[in-house]
Amino acid sequence: MKNVHTVSLLVANCAYQHHERLDGSGYPRGIKGDEIHYFGKIIAVADVFDAVTSNRVYRKAMLPHQGLEVLYAGVGKKFDNTIIEAFRRAVAIYPNGLSVE
């Protein structure tokens, strides 16, 4: 991406970092904490939520509230709490048509 002149270096860097985790357990470089750009941390949360709430050939999609539970399980270790809370306020965890008791 960094060689595509219509994509800024910031965007390319954040895309590169979106699999990094706060505790250093991510990839490709294993960086942690403040070494990860704030936007990269945001993309990581969105990417994980999208991954777990989408159908895959090896498993069915989780419901949005289950995807949010996956994110909460990683708060402080994998993901930034402030980002998770902002994400929770912005995403519809109970989509239209779903019955909640």
PDB file of N, CA and C in Angstrom:
ATOM      1  N   MET A   1       0.808  -1.192   0.000  1.00  0.00           N
ATOM      2  CA  MET A   1       0.000   0.000   0.000  1.00  0.00           C
ATOM      3  C   MET A   1       0.855   1.262   0.000  1.00  0.00           C
ATOM      4  N   LYS A   2       2.018   1.168   0.644  1.00  0.00           N
ATOM      5  CA  LYS A   2       2.840   2.377   0.729  1.00  0.00           C
ATOM      6  C   LYS A   2       3.327   2.845  -0.642  1.00  0.00           C
ATOM      7  N   ASN A   3       3.307   1.961  -1.632  1.00  0.00           N
ATOM      8  CA  ASN A   3       3.734   2.340  -2.976  1.00  0.00           C
ATOM      9  C   ASN A   3       2.595   2.861  -3.849  1.00  0.00           C
ATOM     10  N   VAL A   4       1.379   2.840  -3.315  1.00  0.00           N
ATOM     11  CA  VAL A   4       0.237   3.391  -4.042  1.00  0.00           C
ATOM     12  C   VAL A   4       0.147   4.870  -3.672  1.00  0.00           C
ATOM     13  N   HIS A   5       0.403   5.733  -4.615  1.00  0.00           N
ATOM     14  CA  HIS A   5       0.518   7.164  -4.332  1.00  0.00           C
ATOM     15  C   HIS A   5      -0.791   7.818  -3.902  1.00  0.00           C
ATOM     16  N   THR A   6      -1.912   7.169  -4.149  1.00  0.00           N
ATOM     17  CA  THR A   6      -3.193   7.729  -3.730  1.00  0.00           C
ATOM     18  C   THR A   6      -3.551   7.341  -2.299  1.00  0.00           C
ATOM     19  N   VAL A   7      -2.733   6.501  -1.675  1.00  0.00           N
ATOM     20  CA  VAL A   7      -2.942   6.091  -0.288  1.00  0.00           C
ATOM     21  C   VAL A   7      -1.872   6.758   0.571  1.00  0.00           C
ATOM     22  N   SER A   8      -2.307   7.479   1.594  1.00  0.00           N
ATOM     23  CA  SER A   8      -1.334   8.169   2.445  1.00  0.00           C
ATOM     24  C   SER A   8      -0.504   7.157   3.229  1.00  0.00           C
ATOM     25  N   LEU A   9       0.689   7.573   3.644  1.00  0.00           N
ATOM     26  CA  LEU A   9       1.547   6.702   4.439  1.00  0.00           C
ATOM     27  C   LEU A   9       0.900   6.362   5.785  1.00  0.00           C
ATOM     28  N   LEU A  10       0.123   7.294   6.336  1.00  0.00           N
ATOM     29  CA  LEU A  10      -0.579   7.023   7.584  1.00  0.00           C
ATOM     30  C   LEU A  10      -1.571   5.881   7.405  1.00  0.00           C
ATOM     31  N   VAL A  11      -2.349   5.925   6.341  1.00  0.00           N
ATOM     32  CA  VAL A  11      -3.322   4.865   6.064  1.00  0.00           C
ATOM     33  C   VAL A  11      -2.607   3.532   5.858  1.00  0.00           C
ATOM     34  N   ALA A  12      -1.552   3.540   5.090  1.00  0.00           N
ATOM     35  CA  ALA A  12      -0.791   2.312   4.838  1.00  0.00           C
ATOM     36  C   ALA A  12      -0.219   1.751   6.140  1.00  0.00           C
ATOM     37  N   ASN A  13       0.319   2.624   6.983  1.00  0.00           N
ATOM     38  CA  ASN A  13       0.897   2.180   8.249  1.00  0.00           C
ATOM     39  C   ASN A  13      -0.172   1.582   9.165  1.00  0.00           C
ATOM     40  N   CYS A  14      -1.324   2.215   9.236  1.00  0.00           N
ATOM     41  CA  CYS A  14      -2.393   1.702  10.102  1.00  0.00           C
ATOM     42  C   CYS A  14      -2.928   0.376   9.582  1.00  0.00           C
ATOM     43  N   ALA A  15      -3.038   0.226   8.290  1.00  0.00           N
ATOM     44  CA  ALA A  15      -3.450  -1.058   7.716  1.00  0.00           C
ATOM     45  C   ALA A  15      -2.412  -2.130   8.047  1.00  0.00           C
ATOM     46  N   TYR A  16      -1.163  -1.762   8.001  1.00  0.00           N
ATOM     47  CA  TYR A  16      -0.069  -2.684   8.323  1.00  0.00           C
ATOM     48  C   TYR A  16      -0.126  -3.125   9.791  1.00  0.00           C
ATOM     49  N   GLN A  17      -0.582  -2.237  10.657  1.00  0.00           N
ATOM     50  CA  GLN A  17      -0.577  -2.507  12.095  1.00  0.00           C
ATOM     51  C   GLN A  17      -1.864  -3.145  12.621  1.00  0.00           C
ATOM     52  N   HIS A  18      -2.861  -3.355  11.812  1.00  0.00           N
ATOM     53  CA  HIS A  18      -4.167  -3.733  12.351  1.00  0.00           C
ATOM     54  C   HIS A  18      -4.225  -5.123  12.988  1.00  0.00           C
ATOM     55  N   HIS A  19      -3.183  -5.920  12.860  1.00  0.00           N
ATOM     56  CA  HIS A  19      -3.127  -7.210  13.561  1.00  0.00           C
ATOM     57  C   HIS A  19      -2.214  -7.152  14.790  1.00  0.00           C
ATOM     58  N   GLU A  20      -1.687  -5.989  15.090  1.00  0.00           N
ATOM     59  CA  GLU A  20      -0.874  -5.819  16.298  1.00  0.00           C
ATOM     60  C   GLU A  20      -1.815  -5.741  17.502  1.00  0.00           C
ATOM     61  N   ARG A  21      -1.332  -6.119  18.679  1.00  0.00           N
ATOM     62  CA  ARG A  21      -2.137  -6.117  19.891  1.00  0.00           C
ATOM     63  C   ARG A  21      -1.402  -5.393  21.017  1.00  0.00           C
ATOM     64  N   LEU A  22      -2.160  -4.814  21.932  1.00  0.00           N
ATOM     65  CA  LEU A  22      -1.568  -4.015  23.012  1.00  0.00           C
ATOM     66  C   LEU A  22      -0.469  -4.743  23.768  1.00  0.00           C
ATOM     67  N   ASP A  23      -0.638  -6.037  23.970  1.00  0.00           N
ATOM     68  CA  ASP A  23       0.332  -6.802  24.759  1.00  0.00           C
ATOM     69  C   ASP A  23       1.517  -7.318  23.943  1.00  0.00           C
ATOM     70  N   GLY A  24       1.575  -6.959  22.670  1.00  0.00           N
ATOM     71  CA  GLY A  24       2.691  -7.386  21.825  1.00  0.00           C
ATOM     72  C   GLY A  24       2.495  -8.742  21.176  1.00  0.00           C
ATOM     73  N   SER A  25       1.328  -9.349  21.356  1.00  0.00           N
ATOM     74  CA  SER A  25       1.088 -10.700  20.830  1.00  0.00           C
ATOM     75  C   SER A  25       0.669 -10.715  19.359  1.00  0.00           C
ATOM     76  N   GLY A  26       0.508  -9.556  18.769  1.00  0.00           N
ATOM     77  CA  GLY A  26       0.063  -9.498  17.373  1.00  0.00           C
ATOM     78  C   GLY A  26       1.195  -9.633  16.375  1.00  0.00           C
ATOM     79  N   TYR A  27       0.883  -9.363  15.140  1.00  0.00           N
ATOM     80  CA  TYR A  27       1.862  -9.437  14.064  1.00  0.00           C
ATOM     81  C   TYR A  27       1.586  -8.317  13.074  1.00  0.00           C
ATOM     82  N   PRO A  28       2.485  -7.932  12.238  1.00  0.00           N
ATOM     83  CA  PRO A  28       3.699  -8.635  11.814  1.00  0.00           C
ATOM     84  C   PRO A  28       4.938  -8.327  12.662  1.00  0.00           C
ATOM     85  N   ARG A  29       4.925  -7.239  13.438  1.00  0.00           N
ATOM     86  CA  ARG A  29       6.154  -6.872  14.146  1.00  0.00           C
ATOM     87  C   ARG A  29       6.127  -7.149  15.642  1.00  0.00           C
ATOM     88  N   GLY A  30       4.986  -7.498  16.200  1.00  0.00           N
ATOM     89  CA  GLY A  30       4.909  -7.751  17.634  1.00  0.00           C
ATOM     90  C   GLY A  30       5.076  -6.504  18.474  1.00  0.00           C
ATOM     91  N   ILE A  31       4.726  -5.349  17.916  1.00  0.00           N
ATOM     92  CA  ILE A  31       4.818  -4.105  18.685  1.00  0.00           C
ATOM     93  C   ILE A  31       3.668  -4.048  19.678  1.00  0.00           C
ATOM     94  N   LYS A  32       3.762  -3.156  20.670  1.00  0.00           N
ATOM     95  CA  LYS A  32       2.726  -3.110  21.688  1.00  0.00           C
ATOM     96  C   LYS A  32       2.460  -1.691  22.162  1.00  0.00           C
ATOM     97  N   GLY A  33       1.343  -1.559  22.889  1.00  0.00           N
ATOM     98  CA  GLY A  33       0.995  -0.290  23.525  1.00  0.00           C
ATOM     99  C   GLY A  33       1.014   0.891  22.578  1.00  0.00           C
ATOM    100  N   ASP A  34       1.729   1.939  23.021  1.00  0.00           N
ATOM    101  CA  ASP A  34       1.773   3.183  22.254  1.00  0.00           C
ATOM    102  C   ASP A  34       2.603   3.091  20.978  1.00  0.00           C
ATOM    103  N   GLU A  35       3.256   1.969  20.754  1.00  0.00           N
ATOM    104  CA  GLU A  35       3.971   1.782  19.484  1.00  0.00           C
ATOM    105  C   GLU A  35       2.969   1.603  18.333  1.00  0.00           C
ATOM    106  N   ILE A  36       1.749   1.208  18.669  1.00  0.00           N
ATOM    107  CA  ILE A  36       0.700   1.013  17.673  1.00  0.00           C
ATOM    108  C   ILE A  36      -0.050   2.332  17.518  1.00  0.00           C
ATOM    109  N   HIS A  37      -0.192   2.792  16.303  1.00  0.00           N
ATOM    110  CA  HIS A  37      -0.911   4.040  16.055  1.00  0.00           C
ATOM    111  C   HIS A  37      -2.352   3.893  16.531  1.00  0.00           C
ATOM    112  N   TYR A  38      -2.917   4.969  17.059  1.00  0.00           N
ATOM    113  CA  TYR A  38      -4.291   4.951  17.552  1.00  0.00           C
ATOM    114  C   TYR A  38      -5.269   4.460  16.485  1.00  0.00           C
ATOM    115  N   PHE A  39      -5.093   4.895  15.249  1.00  0.00           N
ATOM    116  CA  PHE A  39      -5.980   4.454  14.164  1.00  0.00           C
ATOM    117  C   PHE A  39      -5.827   2.957  13.903  1.00  0.00           C
ATOM    118  N   GLY A  40      -4.611   2.438  14.039  1.00  0.00           N
ATOM    119  CA  GLY A  40      -4.381   1.003  13.891  1.00  0.00           C
ATOM    120  C   GLY A  40      -5.133   0.218  14.956  1.00  0.00           C
ATOM    121  N   LYS A  41      -5.198   0.772  16.177  1.00  0.00           N
ATOM    122  CA  LYS A  41      -5.952   0.140  17.255  1.00  0.00           C
ATOM    123  C   LYS A  41      -7.447   0.121  16.945  1.00  0.00           C
ATOM    124  N   ILE A  42      -7.936   1.193  16.359  1.00  0.00           N
ATOM    125  CA  ILE A  42      -9.353   1.270  15.982  1.00  0.00           C
ATOM    126  C   ILE A  42      -9.656   0.241  14.897  1.00  0.00           C
ATOM    127  N   ILE A  43      -8.811   0.179  13.892  1.00  0.00           N
ATOM    128  CA  ILE A  43      -9.009  -0.777  12.801  1.00  0.00           C
ATOM    129  C   ILE A  43      -8.972  -2.207  13.329  1.00  0.00           C
ATOM    130  N   ALA A  44      -8.114  -2.477  14.299  1.00  0.00           N
ATOM    131  CA  ALA A  44      -8.022  -3.823  14.880  1.00  0.00           C
ATOM    132  C   ALA A  44      -9.349  -4.249  15.495  1.00  0.00           C
ATOM    133  N   VAL A  45      -9.979  -3.353  16.228  1.00  0.00           N
ATOM    134  CA  VAL A  45     -11.269  -3.654  16.856  1.00  0.00           C
ATOM    135  C   VAL A  45     -12.326  -3.932  15.788  1.00  0.00           C
ATOM    136  N   ALA A  46     -12.407  -3.061  14.796  1.00  0.00           N
ATOM    137  CA  ALA A  46     -13.388  -3.248  13.726  1.00  0.00           C
ATOM    138  C   ALA A  46     -13.128  -4.539  12.959  1.00  0.00           C
ATOM    139  N   ASP A  47     -11.871  -4.849  12.719  1.00  0.00           N
ATOM    140  CA  ASP A  47     -11.509  -6.052  11.970  1.00  0.00           C
ATOM    141  C   ASP A  47     -11.896  -7.320  12.726  1.00  0.00           C
ATOM    142  N   VAL A  48     -11.613  -7.371  14.018  1.00  0.00           N
ATOM    143  CA  VAL A  48     -11.960  -8.557  14.810  1.00  0.00           C
ATOM    144  C   VAL A  48     -13.475  -8.717  14.867  1.00  0.00           C
ATOM    145  N   PHE A  49     -14.184  -7.629  15.098  1.00  0.00           N
ATOM    146  CA  PHE A  49     -15.646  -7.708  15.153  1.00  0.00           C
ATOM    147  C   PHE A  49     -16.194  -8.207  13.817  1.00  0.00           C
ATOM    148  N   ASP A  50     -15.696  -7.659  12.728  1.00  0.00           N
ATOM    149  CA  ASP A  50     -16.146  -8.099  11.403  1.00  0.00           C
ATOM    150  C   ASP A  50     -15.820  -9.573  11.182  1.00  0.00           C
ATOM    151  N   ALA A  51     -14.646  -9.992  11.592  1.00  0.00           N
ATOM    152  CA  ALA A  51     -14.228 -11.383  11.387  1.00  0.00           C
ATOM    153  C   ALA A  51     -15.118 -12.361  12.141  1.00  0.00           C
ATOM    154  N   VAL A  52     -15.427 -12.061  13.393  1.00  0.00           N
ATOM    155  CA  VAL A  52     -16.194 -13.019  14.188  1.00  0.00           C
ATOM    156  C   VAL A  52     -17.695 -12.967  13.899  1.00  0.00           C
ATOM    157  N   THR A  53     -18.168 -11.856  13.337  1.00  0.00           N
ATOM    158  CA  THR A  53     -19.601 -11.750  13.027  1.00  0.00           C
ATOM    159  C   THR A  53     -19.893 -12.035  11.557  1.00  0.00           C
ATOM    160  N   SER A  54     -18.931 -12.559  10.841  1.00  0.00           N
ATOM    161  CA  SER A  54     -19.102 -12.939   9.435  1.00  0.00           C
ATOM    162  C   SER A  54     -18.996 -14.454   9.302  1.00  0.00           C
ATOM    163  N   ASN A  55     -19.764 -15.001   8.382  1.00  0.00           N
ATOM    164  CA  ASN A  55     -19.668 -16.439   8.114  1.00  0.00           C
ATOM    165  C   ASN A  55     -18.315 -16.755   7.503  1.00  0.00           C
ATOM    166  N   ARG A  56     -17.756 -17.854   7.933  1.00  0.00           N
ATOM    167  CA  ARG A  56     -16.497 -18.366   7.391  1.00  0.00           C
ATOM    168  C   ARG A  56     -16.737 -19.790   6.921  1.00  0.00           C
ATOM    169  N   VAL A  57     -15.852 -20.314   6.094  1.00  0.00           N
ATOM    170  CA  VAL A  57     -16.022 -21.694   5.632  1.00  0.00           C
ATOM    171  C   VAL A  57     -15.899 -22.685   6.787  1.00  0.00           C
ATOM    172  N   TYR A  58     -15.206 -22.294   7.866  1.00  0.00           N
ATOM    173  CA  TYR A  58     -14.949 -23.187   8.987  1.00  0.00           C
ATOM    174  C   TYR A  58     -15.870 -22.954  10.187  1.00  0.00           C
ATOM    175  N   ARG A  59     -16.746 -21.906  10.142  1.00  0.00           N
ATOM    176  CA  ARG A  59     -17.691 -21.673  11.232  1.00  0.00           C
ATOM    177  C   ARG A  59     -18.741 -20.649  10.816  1.00  0.00           C
ATOM    178  N   LYS A  60     -19.876 -20.695  11.520  1.00  0.00           N
ATOM    179  CA  LYS A  60     -20.937 -19.728  11.280  1.00  0.00           C
ATOM    180  C   LYS A  60     -20.621 -18.432  12.009  1.00  0.00           C
ATOM    181  N   ALA A  61     -21.218 -17.370  11.538  1.00  0.00           N
ATOM    182  CA  ALA A  61     -21.020 -16.064  12.159  1.00  0.00           C
ATOM    183  C   ALA A  61     -21.586 -16.023  13.570  1.00  0.00           C
ATOM    184  N   MET A  62     -20.904 -15.306  14.439  1.00  0.00           N
ATOM    185  CA  MET A  62     -21.439 -15.034  15.774  1.00  0.00           C
ATOM    186  C   MET A  62     -22.442 -13.893  15.653  1.00  0.00           C
ATOM    187  N   LEU A  63     -23.337 -13.805  16.600  1.00  0.00           N
ATOM    188  CA  LEU A  63     -24.232 -12.658  16.673  1.00  0.00           C
ATOM    189  C   LEU A  63     -23.441 -11.450  17.173  1.00  0.00           C
ATOM    190  N   PRO A  64     -23.887 -10.238  16.840  1.00  0.00           N
ATOM    191  CA  PRO A  64     -23.121  -9.047  17.242  1.00  0.00           C
ATOM    192  C   PRO A  64     -22.818  -8.964  18.736  1.00  0.00           C
ATOM    193  N   HIS A  65     -23.765  -9.318  19.594  1.00  0.00           N
ATOM    194  CA  HIS A  65     -23.476  -9.232  21.032  1.00  0.00           C
ATOM    195  C   HIS A  65     -22.403 -10.240  21.443  1.00  0.00           C
ATOM    196  N   GLN A  66     -22.312 -11.365  20.741  1.00  0.00           N
ATOM    197  CA  GLN A  66     -21.254 -12.337  21.011  1.00  0.00           C
ATOM    198  C   GLN A  66     -19.903 -11.800  20.529  1.00  0.00           C
ATOM    199  N   GLY A  67     -19.920 -11.117  19.389  1.00  0.00           N
ATOM    200  CA  GLY A  67     -18.694 -10.495  18.888  1.00  0.00           C
ATOM    201  C   GLY A  67     -18.171  -9.447  19.846  1.00  0.00           C
ATOM    202  N   LEU A  68     -19.085  -8.696  20.436  1.00  0.00           N
ATOM    203  CA  LEU A  68     -18.686  -7.698  21.425  1.00  0.00           C
ATOM    204  C   LEU A  68     -18.084  -8.367  22.661  1.00  0.00           C
ATOM    205  N   GLU A  69     -18.599  -9.516  23.041  1.00  0.00           N
ATOM    206  CA  GLU A  69     -18.028 -10.265  24.164  1.00  0.00           C
ATOM    207  C   GLU A  69     -16.590 -10.686  23.866  1.00  0.00           C
ATOM    208  N   VAL A  70     -16.323 -11.072  22.624  1.00  0.00           N
ATOM    209  CA  VAL A  70     -14.953 -11.427  22.220  1.00  0.00           C
ATOM    210  C   VAL A  70     -14.039 -10.229  22.422  1.00  0.00           C
ATOM    211  N   LEU A  71     -14.502  -9.056  22.008  1.00  0.00           N
ATOM    212  CA  LEU A  71     -13.696  -7.850  22.170  1.00  0.00           C
ATOM    213  C   LEU A  71     -13.460  -7.537  23.646  1.00  0.00           C
ATOM    214  N   TYR A  72     -14.525  -7.615  24.445  1.00  0.00           N
ATOM    215  CA  TYR A  72     -14.383  -7.338  25.881  1.00  0.00           C
ATOM    216  C   TYR A  72     -13.423  -8.310  26.561  1.00  0.00           C
ATOM    217  N   ALA A  73     -13.365  -9.536  26.085  1.00  0.00           N
ATOM    218  CA  ALA A  73     -12.433 -10.509  26.656  1.00  0.00           C
ATOM    219  C   ALA A  73     -10.980 -10.072  26.459  1.00  0.00           C
ATOM    220  N   GLY A  74     -10.728  -9.225  25.467  1.00  0.00           N
ATOM    221  CA  GLY A  74      -9.372  -8.772  25.191  1.00  0.00           C
ATOM    222  C   GLY A  74      -9.055  -7.373  25.684  1.00  0.00           C
ATOM    223  N   VAL A  75      -9.983  -6.734  26.408  1.00  0.00           N
ATOM    224  CA  VAL A  75      -9.755  -5.365  26.892  1.00  0.00           C
ATOM    225  C   VAL A  75      -8.535  -5.328  27.809  1.00  0.00           C
ATOM    226  N   GLY A  76      -7.648  -4.382  27.529  1.00  0.00           N
ATOM    227  CA  GLY A  76      -6.455  -4.193  28.341  1.00  0.00           C
ATOM    228  C   GLY A  76      -5.298  -5.083  27.953  1.00  0.00           C
ATOM    229  N   LYS A  77      -5.587  -6.232  27.338  1.00  0.00           N
ATOM    230  CA  LYS A  77      -4.537  -7.146  26.894  1.00  0.00           C
ATOM    231  C   LYS A  77      -4.315  -7.003  25.390  1.00  0.00           C
ATOM    232  N   LYS A  78      -5.416  -7.097  24.673  1.00  0.00           N
ATOM    233  CA  LYS A  78      -5.355  -7.052  23.213  1.00  0.00           C
ATOM    234  C   LYS A  78      -5.841  -5.716  22.655  1.00  0.00           C
ATOM    235  N   PHE A  79      -6.897  -5.164  23.305  1.00  0.00           N
ATOM    236  CA  PHE A  79      -7.571  -3.980  22.767  1.00  0.00           C
ATOM    237  C   PHE A  79      -7.685  -2.876  23.808  1.00  0.00           C
ATOM    238  N   ASP A  80      -7.743  -1.659  23.319  1.00  0.00           N
ATOM    239  CA  ASP A  80      -7.878  -0.465  24.152  1.00  0.00           C
ATOM    240  C   ASP A  80      -9.326  -0.333  24.637  1.00  0.00           C
ATOM    241  N   ASN A  81      -9.508  -0.189  25.945  1.00  0.00           N
ATOM    242  CA  ASN A  81     -10.843  -0.098  26.530  1.00  0.00           C
ATOM    243  C   ASN A  81     -11.637   1.090  25.994  1.00  0.00           C
ATOM    244  N   THR A  82     -11.002   2.236  25.835  1.00  0.00           N
ATOM    245  CA  THR A  82     -11.692   3.426  25.338  1.00  0.00           C
ATOM    246  C   THR A  82     -12.258   3.182  23.942  1.00  0.00           C
ATOM    247  N   ILE A  83     -11.506   2.499  23.111  1.00  0.00           N
ATOM    248  CA  ILE A  83     -11.961   2.192  21.753  1.00  0.00           C
ATOM    249  C   ILE A  83     -13.108   1.197  21.786  1.00  0.00           C
ATOM    250  N   ILE A  84     -13.010   0.191  22.636  1.00  0.00           N
ATOM    251  CA  ILE A  84     -14.089  -0.796  22.753  1.00  0.00           C
ATOM    252  C   ILE A  84     -15.379  -0.119  23.209  1.00  0.00           C
ATOM    253  N   GLU A  85     -15.288   0.770  24.181  1.00  0.00           N
ATOM    254  CA  GLU A  85     -16.486   1.459  24.677  1.00  0.00           C
ATOM    255  C   GLU A  85     -17.108   2.347  23.594  1.00  0.00           C
ATOM    256  N   ALA A  86     -16.283   3.047  22.848  1.00  0.00           N
ATOM    257  CA  ALA A  86     -16.799   3.874  21.751  1.00  0.00           C
ATOM    258  C   ALA A  86     -17.437   3.000  20.683  1.00  0.00           C
ATOM    259  N   PHE A  87     -16.818   1.879  20.398  1.00  0.00           N
ATOM    260  CA  PHE A  87     -17.359   0.941  19.411  1.00  0.00           C
ATOM    261  C   PHE A  87     -18.714   0.406  19.878  1.00  0.00           C
ATOM    262  N   ARG A  88     -18.807   0.037  21.157  1.00  0.00           N
ATOM    263  CA  ARG A  88     -20.058  -0.490  21.707  1.00  0.00           C
ATOM    264  C   ARG A  88     -21.194   0.517  21.567  1.00  0.00           C
ATOM    265  N   ARG A  89     -20.890   1.783  21.782  1.00  0.00           N
ATOM    266  CA  ARG A  89     -21.929   2.815  21.658  1.00  0.00           C
ATOM    267  C   ARG A  89     -22.351   3.047  20.214  1.00  0.00           C
ATOM    268  N   ALA A  90     -21.500   2.695  19.273  1.00  0.00           N
ATOM    269  CA  ALA A  90     -21.767   2.980  17.864  1.00  0.00           C
ATOM    270  C   ALA A  90     -22.363   1.815  17.087  1.00  0.00           C
ATOM    271  N   VAL A  91     -22.217   0.597  17.584  1.00  0.00           N
ATOM    272  CA  VAL A  91     -22.655  -0.569  16.823  1.00  0.00           C
ATOM    273  C   VAL A  91     -23.982  -1.083  17.383  1.00  0.00           C
ATOM    274  N   ALA A  92     -24.831  -1.548  16.485  1.00  0.00           N
ATOM    275  CA  ALA A  92     -26.110  -2.143  16.896  1.00  0.00           C
ATOM    276  C   ALA A  92     -25.861  -3.609  17.221  1.00  0.00           C
ATOM    277  N   ILE A  93     -25.828  -3.946  18.513  1.00  0.00           N
ATOM    278  CA  ILE A  93     -25.512  -5.326  18.878  1.00  0.00           C
ATOM    279  C   ILE A  93     -26.720  -6.241  18.784  1.00  0.00           C
ATOM    280  N   TYR A  94     -27.905  -5.661  18.743  1.00  0.00           N
ATOM    281  CA  TYR A  94     -29.123  -6.451  18.557  1.00  0.00           C
ATOM    282  C   TYR A  94     -29.795  -5.973  17.274  1.00  0.00           C
ATOM    283  N   PRO A  95     -29.469  -6.592  16.140  1.00  0.00           N
ATOM    284  CA  PRO A  95     -29.990  -6.125  14.856  1.00  0.00           C
ATOM    285  C   PRO A  95     -31.511  -6.248  14.756  1.00  0.00           C
ATOM    286  N   ASN A  96     -32.095  -5.493  13.841  1.00  0.00           N
ATOM    287  CA  ASN A  96     -33.534  -5.551  13.594  1.00  0.00           C
ATOM    288  C   ASN A  96     -33.983  -6.979  13.359  1.00  0.00           C
ATOM    289  N   GLY A  97     -35.101  -7.342  13.966  1.00  0.00           N
ATOM    290  CA  GLY A  97     -35.662  -8.670  13.774  1.00  0.00           C
ATOM    291  C   GLY A  97     -35.222  -9.694  14.814  1.00  0.00           C
ATOM    292  N   LEU A  98     -34.232  -9.366  15.625  1.00  0.00           N
ATOM    293  CA  LEU A  98     -33.751 -10.288  16.642  1.00  0.00           C
ATOM    294  C   LEU A  98     -34.578 -10.106  17.916  1.00  0.00           C
ATOM    295  N   SER A  99     -35.080 -11.199  18.467  1.00  0.00           N
ATOM    296  CA  SER A  99     -35.855 -11.126  19.709  1.00  0.00           C
ATOM    297  C   SER A  99     -34.904 -11.174  20.904  1.00  0.00           C
ATOM    298  N   VAL A 100     -35.112 -10.267  21.845  1.00  0.00           N
ATOM    299  CA  VAL A 100     -34.305 -10.217  23.040  1.00  0.00           C
ATOM    300  C   VAL A 100     -35.225 -10.405  24.236  1.00  0.00           C
ATOM    301  N   GLU A 101     -34.886 -11.352  25.106  1.00  0.00           N
ATOM    302  CA  GLU A 101     -35.695 -11.599  26.313  1.00  0.00           C
ATOM    303  C   GLU A 101     -34.970 -11.087  27.536  1.00  0.00           C
TER     304      GLU A 101
END
